[in-house]
């Protein structure tokens, strides 16, 4: 929907994301953010234009995914939604307006059984199961973004690339996600395709 540039210093990502959302009128959309952005200074501007405030009674919803078998393992997820309204938060968080705590319990079985528990906070209140489902879909959908970053780093070795030239940084930041999109969904894995193209330039041009 939109793209922006920052100067590769971690602290600049926080200001860049707010400018990106504000300049493109995206503050009213459904947004997922990494823990890096979970600060009162960043959450407050999102809240001011995000939600019509309503008085809701404390809510609690539980949702259990059907068991899935992927990547050689069985996995189930249980999602529990709890209201944060009326909870006493530290002073820096008073304006953040956090409404809902989502607890996701994951059980994974392959050779061994693993159980993990993750927590997410949201400024959207939950008053019915459909709203709870929307938050769950947002959490699951955010991993699609993480998957893209993983491919860019692990397969394309993007984090190992170093350049002090801004123009080169911008070109690489554009080419990397383009390459991931072009190579995804093919019959061969991305790594196998890259190895093939390194050895056979004609196949690369045909592709």
N, C-alpha and C. Protein backbone atom coordinates (compact mmCIF):
# COMPACT_ATOMS: atom_id res chain seq x y z
N UNK A 1 0.82 -1.21 0.00
CA UNK A 1 0.00 0.00 0.00
C UNK A 1 0.85 1.25 0.00
N UNK A 2 2.02 1.15 0.60
CA UNK A 2 2.90 2.33 0.66
C UNK A 2 4.30 1.87 1.01
N UNK A 3 5.26 2.73 0.73
CA UNK A 3 6.66 2.39 0.98
C UNK A 3 7.38 3.64 1.44
N UNK A 4 8.39 3.45 2.29
CA UNK A 4 9.15 4.58 2.79
C UNK A 4 10.60 4.17 2.93
N UNK A 5 11.44 5.13 3.27
CA UNK A 5 12.87 4.89 3.41
C UNK A 5 13.34 5.45 4.74
N UNK A 6 14.23 4.71 5.41
CA UNK A 6 14.88 5.24 6.59
C UNK A 6 16.37 4.94 6.49
N UNK A 7 17.16 5.56 7.36
CA UNK A 7 18.61 5.55 7.17
C UNK A 7 19.32 4.39 7.88
N UNK A 8 18.59 3.30 8.14
CA UNK A 8 19.16 2.05 8.66
C UNK A 8 19.58 2.12 10.13
N UNK A 9 19.31 3.21 10.81
CA UNK A 9 19.54 3.24 12.24
C UNK A 9 18.23 2.83 12.91
N UNK A 10 18.29 1.86 13.84
CA UNK A 10 17.08 1.31 14.42
C UNK A 10 16.16 2.38 15.00
N UNK A 11 16.74 3.40 15.64
CA UNK A 11 15.90 4.39 16.27
C UNK A 11 15.09 5.19 15.27
N UNK A 12 15.50 5.20 14.00
CA UNK A 12 14.76 5.98 13.01
C UNK A 12 13.54 5.25 12.49
N UNK A 13 13.45 3.94 12.72
CA UNK A 13 12.29 3.20 12.24
C UNK A 13 11.01 3.70 12.90
N UNK A 14 11.10 4.11 14.15
CA UNK A 14 9.90 4.53 14.87
C UNK A 14 9.30 5.80 14.28
N UNK A 15 10.14 6.75 13.97
CA UNK A 15 9.61 7.97 13.35
C UNK A 15 9.20 7.72 11.91
N UNK A 16 9.91 6.82 11.22
CA UNK A 16 9.58 6.55 9.82
C UNK A 16 8.21 5.88 9.69
N UNK A 17 7.86 4.97 10.62
CA UNK A 17 6.58 4.27 10.50
C UNK A 17 5.42 5.21 10.73
N UNK A 18 5.55 6.15 11.67
CA UNK A 18 4.47 7.11 11.90
C UNK A 18 4.29 8.01 10.69
N UNK A 19 5.40 8.49 10.11
CA UNK A 19 5.30 9.33 8.91
C UNK A 19 4.68 8.55 7.75
N UNK A 20 5.05 7.27 7.63
CA UNK A 20 4.51 6.44 6.55
C UNK A 20 3.00 6.30 6.69
N UNK A 21 2.53 6.02 7.90
CA UNK A 21 1.10 5.83 8.12
C UNK A 21 0.34 7.14 7.98
N UNK A 22 0.91 8.22 8.50
CA UNK A 22 0.23 9.52 8.46
C UNK A 22 0.16 10.08 7.04
N UNK A 23 1.27 10.04 6.33
CA UNK A 23 1.32 10.64 5.00
C UNK A 23 0.44 9.90 4.00
N UNK A 24 0.14 8.64 4.26
CA UNK A 24 -0.65 7.85 3.32
C UNK A 24 -2.06 7.54 3.82
N UNK A 25 -2.49 8.28 4.87
CA UNK A 25 -3.85 8.12 5.41
C UNK A 25 -4.15 6.67 5.78
N UNK A 26 -3.20 6.03 6.44
CA UNK A 26 -3.38 4.63 6.81
C UNK A 26 -3.68 4.44 8.30
N UNK A 27 -3.81 5.54 9.05
CA UNK A 27 -4.02 5.42 10.48
C UNK A 27 -5.36 4.77 10.82
N UNK A 28 -6.32 4.85 9.91
CA UNK A 28 -7.64 4.28 10.18
C UNK A 28 -7.72 2.81 9.78
N UNK A 29 -6.64 2.26 9.20
CA UNK A 29 -6.63 0.86 8.78
C UNK A 29 -6.26 -0.05 9.95
N UNK A 30 -6.44 -1.34 9.74
CA UNK A 30 -6.01 -2.33 10.73
C UNK A 30 -4.49 -2.49 10.61
N UNK A 31 -3.77 -2.27 11.69
CA UNK A 31 -2.31 -2.20 11.64
C UNK A 31 -1.72 -3.17 12.66
N UNK A 32 -0.69 -3.91 12.26
CA UNK A 32 0.07 -4.71 13.21
C UNK A 32 1.49 -4.15 13.27
N UNK A 33 2.05 -4.09 14.48
CA UNK A 33 3.38 -3.53 14.68
C UNK A 33 4.23 -4.48 15.51
N UNK A 34 5.54 -4.51 15.23
CA UNK A 34 6.47 -5.29 16.02
C UNK A 34 6.64 -4.67 17.40
N UNK A 35 7.26 -5.43 18.30
CA UNK A 35 7.49 -4.94 19.66
C UNK A 35 8.35 -3.68 19.67
N UNK A 36 9.19 -3.49 18.65
CA UNK A 36 10.03 -2.29 18.56
C UNK A 36 9.20 -1.02 18.64
N UNK A 37 7.97 -1.07 18.09
CA UNK A 37 7.15 0.14 18.02
C UNK A 37 6.19 0.28 19.20
N UNK A 38 6.22 -0.66 20.13
CA UNK A 38 5.27 -0.64 21.23
C UNK A 38 5.73 0.33 22.32
N UNK A 39 5.55 1.61 22.05
CA UNK A 39 5.91 2.66 22.99
C UNK A 39 4.73 3.63 23.10
N UNK A 40 4.59 4.31 24.23
CA UNK A 40 3.49 5.26 24.37
C UNK A 40 3.51 6.34 23.29
N UNK A 41 4.70 6.80 22.92
CA UNK A 41 4.79 7.85 21.91
C UNK A 41 4.28 7.44 20.55
N UNK A 42 4.41 6.16 20.22
CA UNK A 42 3.93 5.69 18.93
C UNK A 42 2.48 5.24 18.97
N UNK A 43 2.04 4.64 20.10
CA UNK A 43 0.68 4.15 20.18
C UNK A 43 -0.34 5.29 20.25
N UNK A 44 0.02 6.39 20.93
CA UNK A 44 -0.94 7.48 21.14
C UNK A 44 -1.46 8.08 19.85
N UNK A 45 -0.61 8.46 18.86
CA UNK A 45 -1.17 9.02 17.62
C UNK A 45 -2.02 8.02 16.85
N UNK A 46 -1.74 6.73 16.97
CA UNK A 46 -2.57 5.73 16.31
C UNK A 46 -3.95 5.71 16.93
N UNK A 47 -4.00 5.84 18.25
CA UNK A 47 -5.28 5.73 18.95
C UNK A 47 -6.19 6.92 18.67
N UNK A 48 -5.62 8.09 18.50
CA UNK A 48 -6.45 9.29 18.35
C UNK A 48 -7.33 9.23 17.12
N UNK A 49 -6.88 8.53 16.07
CA UNK A 49 -7.69 8.45 14.87
C UNK A 49 -8.12 7.02 14.56
N UNK A 50 -7.95 6.13 15.50
CA UNK A 50 -8.13 4.70 15.22
C UNK A 50 -9.53 4.20 15.55
N UNK A 51 -10.05 4.53 16.73
CA UNK A 51 -11.23 3.86 17.24
C UNK A 51 -12.21 4.86 17.85
N UNK A 52 -13.50 4.65 17.63
CA UNK A 52 -14.52 5.37 18.36
C UNK A 52 -14.64 4.73 19.74
N UNK A 53 -14.44 5.53 20.78
CA UNK A 53 -14.42 4.97 22.13
C UNK A 53 -15.81 4.54 22.57
N UNK A 54 -15.96 3.41 23.14
CA UNK A 54 -17.24 2.91 23.64
C UNK A 54 -17.04 2.31 25.02
N UNK A 55 -18.10 2.31 25.78
CA UNK A 55 -18.06 1.71 27.10
C UNK A 55 -18.48 0.25 26.99
N UNK A 56 -17.57 -0.65 27.26
CA UNK A 56 -17.85 -2.08 27.16
C UNK A 56 -17.58 -2.76 28.48
N UNK A 57 -18.39 -3.75 28.79
CA UNK A 57 -18.15 -4.55 29.98
C UNK A 57 -16.90 -5.43 29.74
N UNK A 58 -16.21 -5.84 30.80
CA UNK A 58 -15.07 -6.73 30.63
C UNK A 58 -15.47 -7.98 29.84
N UNK A 59 -14.64 -8.37 28.91
CA UNK A 59 -14.97 -9.51 28.05
C UNK A 59 -13.87 -10.55 28.09
N UNK A 60 -14.23 -11.75 27.79
CA UNK A 60 -13.25 -12.83 27.71
C UNK A 60 -13.75 -13.85 26.69
N UNK A 61 -12.92 -14.11 25.70
CA UNK A 61 -13.27 -15.06 24.65
C UNK A 61 -12.14 -16.05 24.48
N UNK A 62 -12.49 -17.28 24.20
CA UNK A 62 -11.50 -18.32 23.98
C UNK A 62 -11.78 -18.96 22.64
N UNK A 63 -10.73 -19.19 21.87
CA UNK A 63 -10.87 -19.79 20.55
C UNK A 63 -9.79 -20.85 20.39
N UNK A 64 -10.17 -22.03 19.90
CA UNK A 64 -9.22 -23.12 19.72
C UNK A 64 -9.17 -23.50 18.26
N UNK A 65 -7.97 -23.41 17.68
CA UNK A 65 -7.77 -23.81 16.28
C UNK A 65 -7.83 -25.33 16.15
N UNK A 66 -8.29 -25.80 15.02
CA UNK A 66 -8.19 -27.23 14.74
C UNK A 66 -6.72 -27.58 14.50
N UNK A 67 -6.37 -28.81 14.83
CA UNK A 67 -4.97 -29.23 14.70
C UNK A 67 -4.53 -29.17 13.24
N UNK A 68 -3.31 -28.68 13.01
CA UNK A 68 -2.76 -28.57 11.67
C UNK A 68 -1.49 -29.41 11.58
N UNK A 69 -1.26 -29.95 10.41
CA UNK A 69 -0.03 -30.71 10.17
C UNK A 69 0.73 -30.03 9.04
N UNK A 70 1.83 -29.36 9.40
CA UNK A 70 2.66 -28.65 8.42
C UNK A 70 4.11 -28.82 8.79
N UNK A 71 4.95 -28.86 7.76
CA UNK A 71 6.40 -28.93 7.96
C UNK A 71 6.78 -30.12 8.86
N UNK A 72 6.04 -31.22 8.74
CA UNK A 72 6.39 -32.41 9.49
C UNK A 72 6.03 -32.37 10.96
N UNK A 73 5.13 -31.49 11.35
CA UNK A 73 4.76 -31.42 12.76
C UNK A 73 3.28 -31.04 12.90
N UNK A 74 2.70 -31.46 14.02
CA UNK A 74 1.33 -31.10 14.37
C UNK A 74 1.38 -29.87 15.26
N UNK A 75 0.42 -28.98 15.04
CA UNK A 75 0.40 -27.76 15.84
C UNK A 75 -1.03 -27.32 16.10
N UNK A 76 -1.31 -26.90 17.33
CA UNK A 76 -2.60 -26.32 17.69
C UNK A 76 -2.36 -24.98 18.37
N UNK A 77 -3.37 -24.12 18.29
CA UNK A 77 -3.29 -22.80 18.94
C UNK A 77 -4.57 -22.53 19.70
N UNK A 78 -4.41 -22.01 20.87
CA UNK A 78 -5.56 -21.56 21.66
C UNK A 78 -5.40 -20.07 21.94
N UNK A 79 -6.43 -19.31 21.63
CA UNK A 79 -6.38 -17.85 21.77
C UNK A 79 -7.38 -17.41 22.83
N UNK A 80 -6.91 -16.63 23.77
CA UNK A 80 -7.78 -16.12 24.83
C UNK A 80 -7.71 -14.60 24.83
N UNK A 81 -8.87 -13.96 24.91
CA UNK A 81 -8.96 -12.51 24.82
C UNK A 81 -9.48 -11.97 26.15
N UNK A 82 -8.76 -11.02 26.73
CA UNK A 82 -9.15 -10.44 28.01
C UNK A 82 -9.17 -8.92 27.91
N UNK A 83 -10.16 -8.32 28.54
CA UNK A 83 -10.28 -6.86 28.52
C UNK A 83 -9.26 -6.22 29.46
N UNK A 84 -8.65 -5.13 29.01
CA UNK A 84 -7.72 -4.35 29.83
C UNK A 84 -8.38 -3.08 30.35
N UNK A 85 -9.63 -2.85 29.98
CA UNK A 85 -10.30 -1.64 30.43
C UNK A 85 -10.49 -1.66 31.94
N UNK A 86 -10.16 -0.54 32.56
CA UNK A 86 -10.24 -0.45 34.01
C UNK A 86 -8.98 -0.90 34.72
N UNK A 87 -8.03 -1.44 33.96
CA UNK A 87 -6.77 -1.88 34.55
C UNK A 87 -5.87 -0.69 34.81
N UNK A 88 -5.23 -0.65 35.96
CA UNK A 88 -4.34 0.45 36.31
C UNK A 88 -2.98 0.24 35.65
N UNK A 89 -2.65 1.12 34.69
CA UNK A 89 -1.37 1.04 33.98
C UNK A 89 -0.43 2.13 34.46
N UNK A 90 0.85 1.94 34.21
CA UNK A 90 1.82 2.97 34.56
C UNK A 90 1.51 4.26 33.82
N UNK A 91 1.92 5.39 34.40
CA UNK A 91 1.57 6.71 33.87
C UNK A 91 1.92 6.90 32.40
N UNK A 92 3.11 6.46 31.89
CA UNK A 92 3.41 6.68 30.47
C UNK A 92 2.41 6.02 29.52
N UNK A 93 1.63 5.06 30.03
CA UNK A 93 0.71 4.32 29.17
C UNK A 93 -0.73 4.81 29.27
N UNK A 94 -0.99 5.83 30.08
CA UNK A 94 -2.36 6.28 30.29
C UNK A 94 -3.04 6.71 28.99
N UNK A 95 -2.31 7.35 28.09
CA UNK A 95 -2.91 7.84 26.84
C UNK A 95 -2.91 6.79 25.73
N UNK A 96 -2.30 5.65 25.99
CA UNK A 96 -2.22 4.64 24.93
C UNK A 96 -3.55 3.91 24.72
N UNK A 97 -4.40 3.89 25.75
CA UNK A 97 -5.73 3.33 25.58
C UNK A 97 -5.78 1.85 25.25
N UNK A 98 -4.88 1.07 25.81
CA UNK A 98 -4.88 -0.36 25.52
C UNK A 98 -6.17 -1.00 26.03
N UNK A 99 -6.83 -1.80 25.20
CA UNK A 99 -8.14 -2.36 25.54
C UNK A 99 -8.12 -3.87 25.72
N UNK A 100 -7.29 -4.57 24.97
CA UNK A 100 -7.41 -6.03 24.92
C UNK A 100 -6.05 -6.69 25.04
N UNK A 101 -5.99 -7.73 25.84
CA UNK A 101 -4.82 -8.58 25.94
C UNK A 101 -5.16 -9.92 25.28
N UNK A 102 -4.36 -10.33 24.30
CA UNK A 102 -4.57 -11.60 23.62
C UNK A 102 -3.46 -12.55 24.03
N UNK A 103 -3.83 -13.69 24.56
CA UNK A 103 -2.87 -14.72 24.94
C UNK A 103 -2.99 -15.88 23.95
N UNK A 104 -1.89 -16.23 23.30
CA UNK A 104 -1.88 -17.31 22.32
C UNK A 104 -1.01 -18.44 22.86
N UNK A 105 -1.63 -19.60 23.07
CA UNK A 105 -0.91 -20.79 23.53
C UNK A 105 -0.72 -21.72 22.34
N UNK A 106 0.51 -22.06 22.06
CA UNK A 106 0.83 -22.94 20.92
C UNK A 106 1.39 -24.26 21.44
N UNK A 107 0.89 -25.35 20.88
CA UNK A 107 1.41 -26.67 21.19
C UNK A 107 1.88 -27.30 19.89
N UNK A 108 3.15 -27.69 19.84
CA UNK A 108 3.75 -28.25 18.63
C UNK A 108 4.33 -29.62 18.94
N UNK A 109 4.02 -30.57 18.10
CA UNK A 109 4.51 -31.94 18.29
C UNK A 109 5.23 -32.41 17.04
N UNK A 110 6.49 -32.78 17.18
CA UNK A 110 7.22 -33.52 16.14
C UNK A 110 7.87 -34.71 16.84
N UNK A 111 9.17 -34.70 17.02
CA UNK A 111 9.78 -35.75 17.83
C UNK A 111 9.50 -35.50 19.32
N UNK A 112 9.39 -34.25 19.69
CA UNK A 112 9.09 -33.84 21.06
C UNK A 112 7.88 -32.92 21.05
N UNK A 113 7.38 -32.61 22.22
CA UNK A 113 6.27 -31.67 22.36
C UNK A 113 6.78 -30.35 22.92
N UNK A 114 6.39 -29.26 22.28
CA UNK A 114 6.78 -27.93 22.73
C UNK A 114 5.52 -27.12 23.01
N UNK A 115 5.55 -26.38 24.10
CA UNK A 115 4.46 -25.49 24.42
C UNK A 115 5.01 -24.09 24.62
N UNK A 116 4.43 -23.11 23.92
CA UNK A 116 4.86 -21.72 24.05
C UNK A 116 3.63 -20.86 24.31
N UNK A 117 3.88 -19.69 24.86
CA UNK A 117 2.80 -18.77 25.18
C UNK A 117 3.24 -17.36 24.78
N UNK A 118 2.44 -16.70 23.99
CA UNK A 118 2.75 -15.34 23.53
C UNK A 118 1.63 -14.40 23.93
N UNK A 119 1.99 -13.12 24.12
CA UNK A 119 1.01 -12.13 24.52
C UNK A 119 1.03 -10.95 23.55
N UNK A 120 -0.15 -10.45 23.23
CA UNK A 120 -0.30 -9.31 22.34
C UNK A 120 -1.28 -8.33 22.97
N UNK A 121 -1.02 -7.04 22.79
CA UNK A 121 -1.96 -6.03 23.28
C UNK A 121 -2.50 -5.25 22.09
N UNK A 122 -3.72 -4.77 22.23
CA UNK A 122 -4.39 -4.09 21.12
C UNK A 122 -5.25 -2.97 21.68
N UNK A 123 -5.42 -1.90 20.90
CA UNK A 123 -6.27 -0.80 21.33
C UNK A 123 -7.71 -0.96 20.86
N UNK A 124 -8.05 -2.12 20.28
CA UNK A 124 -9.43 -2.40 19.86
C UNK A 124 -10.12 -3.23 20.93
N UNK A 125 -11.30 -2.81 21.40
CA UNK A 125 -12.03 -3.63 22.36
C UNK A 125 -12.67 -4.83 21.68
N UNK A 126 -12.92 -5.88 22.44
CA UNK A 126 -13.56 -7.09 21.92
C UNK A 126 -14.86 -7.31 22.67
N UNK A 127 -15.97 -7.28 21.95
CA UNK A 127 -17.28 -7.48 22.56
C UNK A 127 -18.03 -8.67 21.98
N UNK A 128 -17.47 -9.31 20.93
CA UNK A 128 -18.12 -10.47 20.33
C UNK A 128 -17.05 -11.35 19.71
N UNK A 129 -17.43 -12.57 19.35
CA UNK A 129 -16.48 -13.53 18.84
C UNK A 129 -15.91 -13.10 17.49
N UNK A 130 -16.71 -12.44 16.65
CA UNK A 130 -16.21 -12.02 15.34
C UNK A 130 -15.09 -10.99 15.48
N UNK A 131 -15.19 -10.09 16.47
CA UNK A 131 -14.10 -9.13 16.71
C UNK A 131 -12.86 -9.85 17.21
N UNK A 132 -13.06 -10.87 18.04
CA UNK A 132 -11.92 -11.67 18.51
C UNK A 132 -11.25 -12.37 17.33
N UNK A 133 -12.06 -12.88 16.41
CA UNK A 133 -11.52 -13.55 15.24
C UNK A 133 -10.70 -12.59 14.38
N UNK A 134 -11.17 -11.35 14.26
CA UNK A 134 -10.44 -10.36 13.46
C UNK A 134 -9.05 -10.10 14.04
N UNK A 135 -8.95 -10.03 15.36
CA UNK A 135 -7.64 -9.82 15.99
C UNK A 135 -6.74 -11.03 15.77
N UNK A 136 -7.34 -12.21 15.86
CA UNK A 136 -6.54 -13.42 15.63
C UNK A 136 -6.00 -13.44 14.20
N UNK A 137 -6.83 -13.07 13.22
CA UNK A 137 -6.39 -13.03 11.83
C UNK A 137 -5.28 -12.00 11.64
N UNK A 138 -5.36 -10.90 12.38
CA UNK A 138 -4.31 -9.88 12.28
C UNK A 138 -2.98 -10.41 12.81
N UNK A 139 -3.04 -11.16 13.92
CA UNK A 139 -1.82 -11.75 14.48
C UNK A 139 -1.22 -12.76 13.51
N UNK A 140 -2.07 -13.62 12.96
CA UNK A 140 -1.59 -14.63 12.02
C UNK A 140 -1.06 -13.97 10.75
N UNK A 141 -1.75 -12.93 10.28
CA UNK A 141 -1.34 -12.27 9.05
C UNK A 141 -0.02 -11.55 9.17
N UNK A 142 0.29 -11.10 10.39
CA UNK A 142 1.54 -10.38 10.58
C UNK A 142 2.75 -11.27 10.34
N UNK A 143 2.58 -12.58 10.56
CA UNK A 143 3.70 -13.50 10.34
C UNK A 143 4.05 -13.60 8.87
N UNK A 144 3.11 -13.24 7.99
CA UNK A 144 3.44 -13.19 6.56
C UNK A 144 4.50 -12.14 6.28
N UNK A 145 4.45 -11.03 7.04
CA UNK A 145 5.48 -9.99 6.92
C UNK A 145 6.82 -10.53 7.41
N UNK A 146 6.79 -11.22 8.56
CA UNK A 146 8.02 -11.78 9.12
C UNK A 146 8.63 -12.82 8.17
N UNK A 147 7.76 -13.57 7.50
CA UNK A 147 8.26 -14.58 6.56
C UNK A 147 9.02 -13.92 5.42
N UNK A 148 8.51 -12.80 4.93
CA UNK A 148 9.21 -12.05 3.88
C UNK A 148 10.58 -11.59 4.36
N UNK A 149 10.65 -11.04 5.59
CA UNK A 149 11.93 -10.59 6.13
C UNK A 149 12.90 -11.75 6.29
N UNK A 150 12.38 -12.91 6.69
CA UNK A 150 13.24 -14.08 6.88
C UNK A 150 13.85 -14.51 5.55
N UNK A 151 13.05 -14.53 4.48
CA UNK A 151 13.57 -14.90 3.17
C UNK A 151 14.61 -13.89 2.68
N UNK A 152 14.36 -12.62 2.93
CA UNK A 152 15.30 -11.59 2.48
C UNK A 152 16.63 -11.71 3.20
N UNK A 153 16.59 -12.12 4.47
CA UNK A 153 17.83 -12.22 5.24
C UNK A 153 18.51 -13.57 5.03
N UNK A 154 17.76 -14.67 5.19
CA UNK A 154 18.37 -16.01 5.16
C UNK A 154 18.77 -16.41 3.74
N UNK A 155 17.89 -16.19 2.75
CA UNK A 155 18.16 -16.65 1.39
C UNK A 155 18.94 -15.61 0.59
N UNK A 156 18.55 -14.35 0.70
CA UNK A 156 19.22 -13.30 -0.08
C UNK A 156 20.35 -12.62 0.69
N UNK A 157 20.54 -13.00 1.96
CA UNK A 157 21.63 -12.45 2.79
C UNK A 157 21.62 -10.93 2.81
N UNK A 158 20.42 -10.37 2.97
CA UNK A 158 20.28 -8.91 2.91
C UNK A 158 21.00 -8.22 4.06
N UNK A 159 20.92 -8.80 5.27
CA UNK A 159 21.55 -8.15 6.42
C UNK A 159 23.07 -8.12 6.30
N UNK A 160 23.65 -9.01 5.50
CA UNK A 160 25.10 -9.03 5.33
C UNK A 160 25.57 -7.99 4.32
N UNK A 161 24.62 -7.40 3.58
CA UNK A 161 24.99 -6.40 2.58
C UNK A 161 25.32 -5.08 3.26
N UNK A 162 26.41 -4.47 2.87
CA UNK A 162 26.86 -3.22 3.48
C UNK A 162 27.17 -2.20 2.39
N UNK A 163 26.61 -1.02 2.54
CA UNK A 163 26.92 0.09 1.63
C UNK A 163 26.61 1.40 2.34
N UNK A 164 27.48 2.37 2.17
CA UNK A 164 27.26 3.69 2.77
C UNK A 164 26.53 4.63 1.82
N UNK A 165 26.29 4.18 0.59
CA UNK A 165 25.63 5.03 -0.40
C UNK A 165 24.12 4.86 -0.31
N UNK A 166 23.44 5.97 -0.09
CA UNK A 166 21.99 5.93 0.04
C UNK A 166 21.32 5.39 -1.21
N UNK A 167 21.80 5.77 -2.37
CA UNK A 167 21.18 5.32 -3.62
C UNK A 167 21.27 3.80 -3.76
N UNK A 168 22.40 3.23 -3.37
CA UNK A 168 22.57 1.77 -3.45
C UNK A 168 21.65 1.09 -2.45
N UNK A 169 21.53 1.65 -1.24
CA UNK A 169 20.63 1.09 -0.24
C UNK A 169 19.20 1.05 -0.75
N UNK A 170 18.75 2.11 -1.39
CA UNK A 170 17.38 2.18 -1.90
C UNK A 170 17.15 1.15 -3.01
N UNK A 171 18.13 1.00 -3.89
CA UNK A 171 17.99 0.03 -4.98
C UNK A 171 17.88 -1.38 -4.42
N UNK A 172 18.75 -1.72 -3.46
CA UNK A 172 18.72 -3.06 -2.89
C UNK A 172 17.44 -3.31 -2.11
N UNK A 173 16.94 -2.28 -1.44
CA UNK A 173 15.69 -2.42 -0.69
C UNK A 173 14.50 -2.64 -1.61
N UNK A 174 14.61 -2.19 -2.84
CA UNK A 174 13.55 -2.41 -3.83
C UNK A 174 13.70 -3.76 -4.52
N UNK A 175 14.94 -4.12 -4.87
CA UNK A 175 15.18 -5.35 -5.62
C UNK A 175 14.91 -6.59 -4.76
N UNK A 176 15.27 -6.57 -3.48
CA UNK A 176 15.13 -7.76 -2.63
C UNK A 176 13.69 -8.25 -2.53
N UNK A 177 12.73 -7.40 -2.13
CA UNK A 177 11.35 -7.91 -2.06
C UNK A 177 10.79 -8.27 -3.43
N UNK A 178 11.26 -7.60 -4.49
CA UNK A 178 10.82 -7.95 -5.84
C UNK A 178 11.29 -9.36 -6.19
N UNK A 179 12.54 -9.67 -5.83
CA UNK A 179 13.08 -11.00 -6.10
C UNK A 179 12.32 -12.07 -5.32
N UNK A 180 12.00 -11.79 -4.05
CA UNK A 180 11.25 -12.74 -3.24
C UNK A 180 9.88 -13.02 -3.86
N UNK A 181 9.20 -11.97 -4.31
CA UNK A 181 7.87 -12.13 -4.92
C UNK A 181 7.95 -12.94 -6.21
N UNK A 182 8.98 -12.68 -7.02
CA UNK A 182 9.12 -13.39 -8.30
C UNK A 182 9.46 -14.87 -8.09
N UNK A 183 10.27 -15.16 -7.08
CA UNK A 183 10.73 -16.53 -6.86
C UNK A 183 9.76 -17.37 -6.04
N UNK A 184 8.83 -16.71 -5.33
CA UNK A 184 7.88 -17.45 -4.50
C UNK A 184 6.82 -18.12 -5.38
N UNK A 185 6.31 -19.23 -4.91
CA UNK A 185 5.23 -19.91 -5.61
C UNK A 185 5.65 -20.71 -6.82
N UNK A 186 6.95 -20.92 -7.01
CA UNK A 186 7.44 -21.72 -8.13
C UNK A 186 7.52 -23.19 -7.71
N UNK A 187 7.77 -24.05 -8.69
CA UNK A 187 7.85 -25.49 -8.41
C UNK A 187 9.08 -25.85 -7.57
N UNK A 188 10.14 -25.04 -7.72
CA UNK A 188 11.36 -25.27 -6.96
C UNK A 188 11.47 -24.27 -5.82
N UNK A 189 12.27 -24.61 -4.83
CA UNK A 189 12.49 -23.68 -3.72
C UNK A 189 13.28 -22.48 -4.20
N UNK A 190 13.22 -21.40 -3.43
CA UNK A 190 13.93 -20.18 -3.80
C UNK A 190 15.43 -20.42 -3.87
N UNK A 191 15.96 -21.16 -2.90
CA UNK A 191 17.40 -21.43 -2.87
C UNK A 191 17.83 -22.23 -4.10
N UNK A 192 17.01 -23.23 -4.50
CA UNK A 192 17.34 -24.03 -5.66
C UNK A 192 17.30 -23.20 -6.94
N UNK A 193 16.33 -22.29 -7.03
CA UNK A 193 16.24 -21.43 -8.21
C UNK A 193 17.44 -20.48 -8.30
N UNK A 194 17.84 -19.94 -7.16
CA UNK A 194 19.00 -19.03 -7.16
C UNK A 194 20.26 -19.78 -7.59
N UNK A 195 20.44 -20.99 -7.08
CA UNK A 195 21.60 -21.80 -7.49
C UNK A 195 21.56 -22.09 -8.98
N UNK A 196 20.36 -22.37 -9.49
CA UNK A 196 20.22 -22.65 -10.92
C UNK A 196 20.59 -21.42 -11.76
N UNK A 197 20.10 -20.27 -11.35
CA UNK A 197 20.33 -19.05 -12.13
C UNK A 197 21.79 -18.61 -12.07
N UNK A 198 22.47 -18.93 -10.97
CA UNK A 198 23.89 -18.57 -10.87
C UNK A 198 24.72 -19.32 -11.90
N UNK A 199 24.29 -20.55 -12.21
CA UNK A 199 25.05 -21.39 -13.14
C UNK A 199 24.56 -21.28 -14.59
N UNK A 200 23.28 -20.92 -14.76
CA UNK A 200 22.69 -20.93 -16.11
C UNK A 200 22.00 -19.59 -16.36
N UNK A 201 22.74 -18.67 -16.93
CA UNK A 201 22.23 -17.32 -17.13
C UNK A 201 21.08 -17.29 -18.14
N UNK A 202 21.08 -18.22 -19.12
CA UNK A 202 20.00 -18.24 -20.09
C UNK A 202 18.65 -18.55 -19.43
N UNK A 203 18.66 -19.48 -18.47
CA UNK A 203 17.44 -19.81 -17.74
C UNK A 203 16.93 -18.60 -16.95
N UNK A 204 17.87 -17.82 -16.43
CA UNK A 204 17.48 -16.61 -15.70
C UNK A 204 16.77 -15.64 -16.63
N UNK A 205 17.30 -15.40 -17.82
CA UNK A 205 16.67 -14.48 -18.76
C UNK A 205 15.30 -15.00 -19.20
N UNK A 206 15.20 -16.32 -19.41
CA UNK A 206 13.90 -16.89 -19.78
C UNK A 206 12.89 -16.73 -18.66
N UNK A 207 13.33 -16.90 -17.43
CA UNK A 207 12.44 -16.73 -16.28
C UNK A 207 11.94 -15.30 -16.19
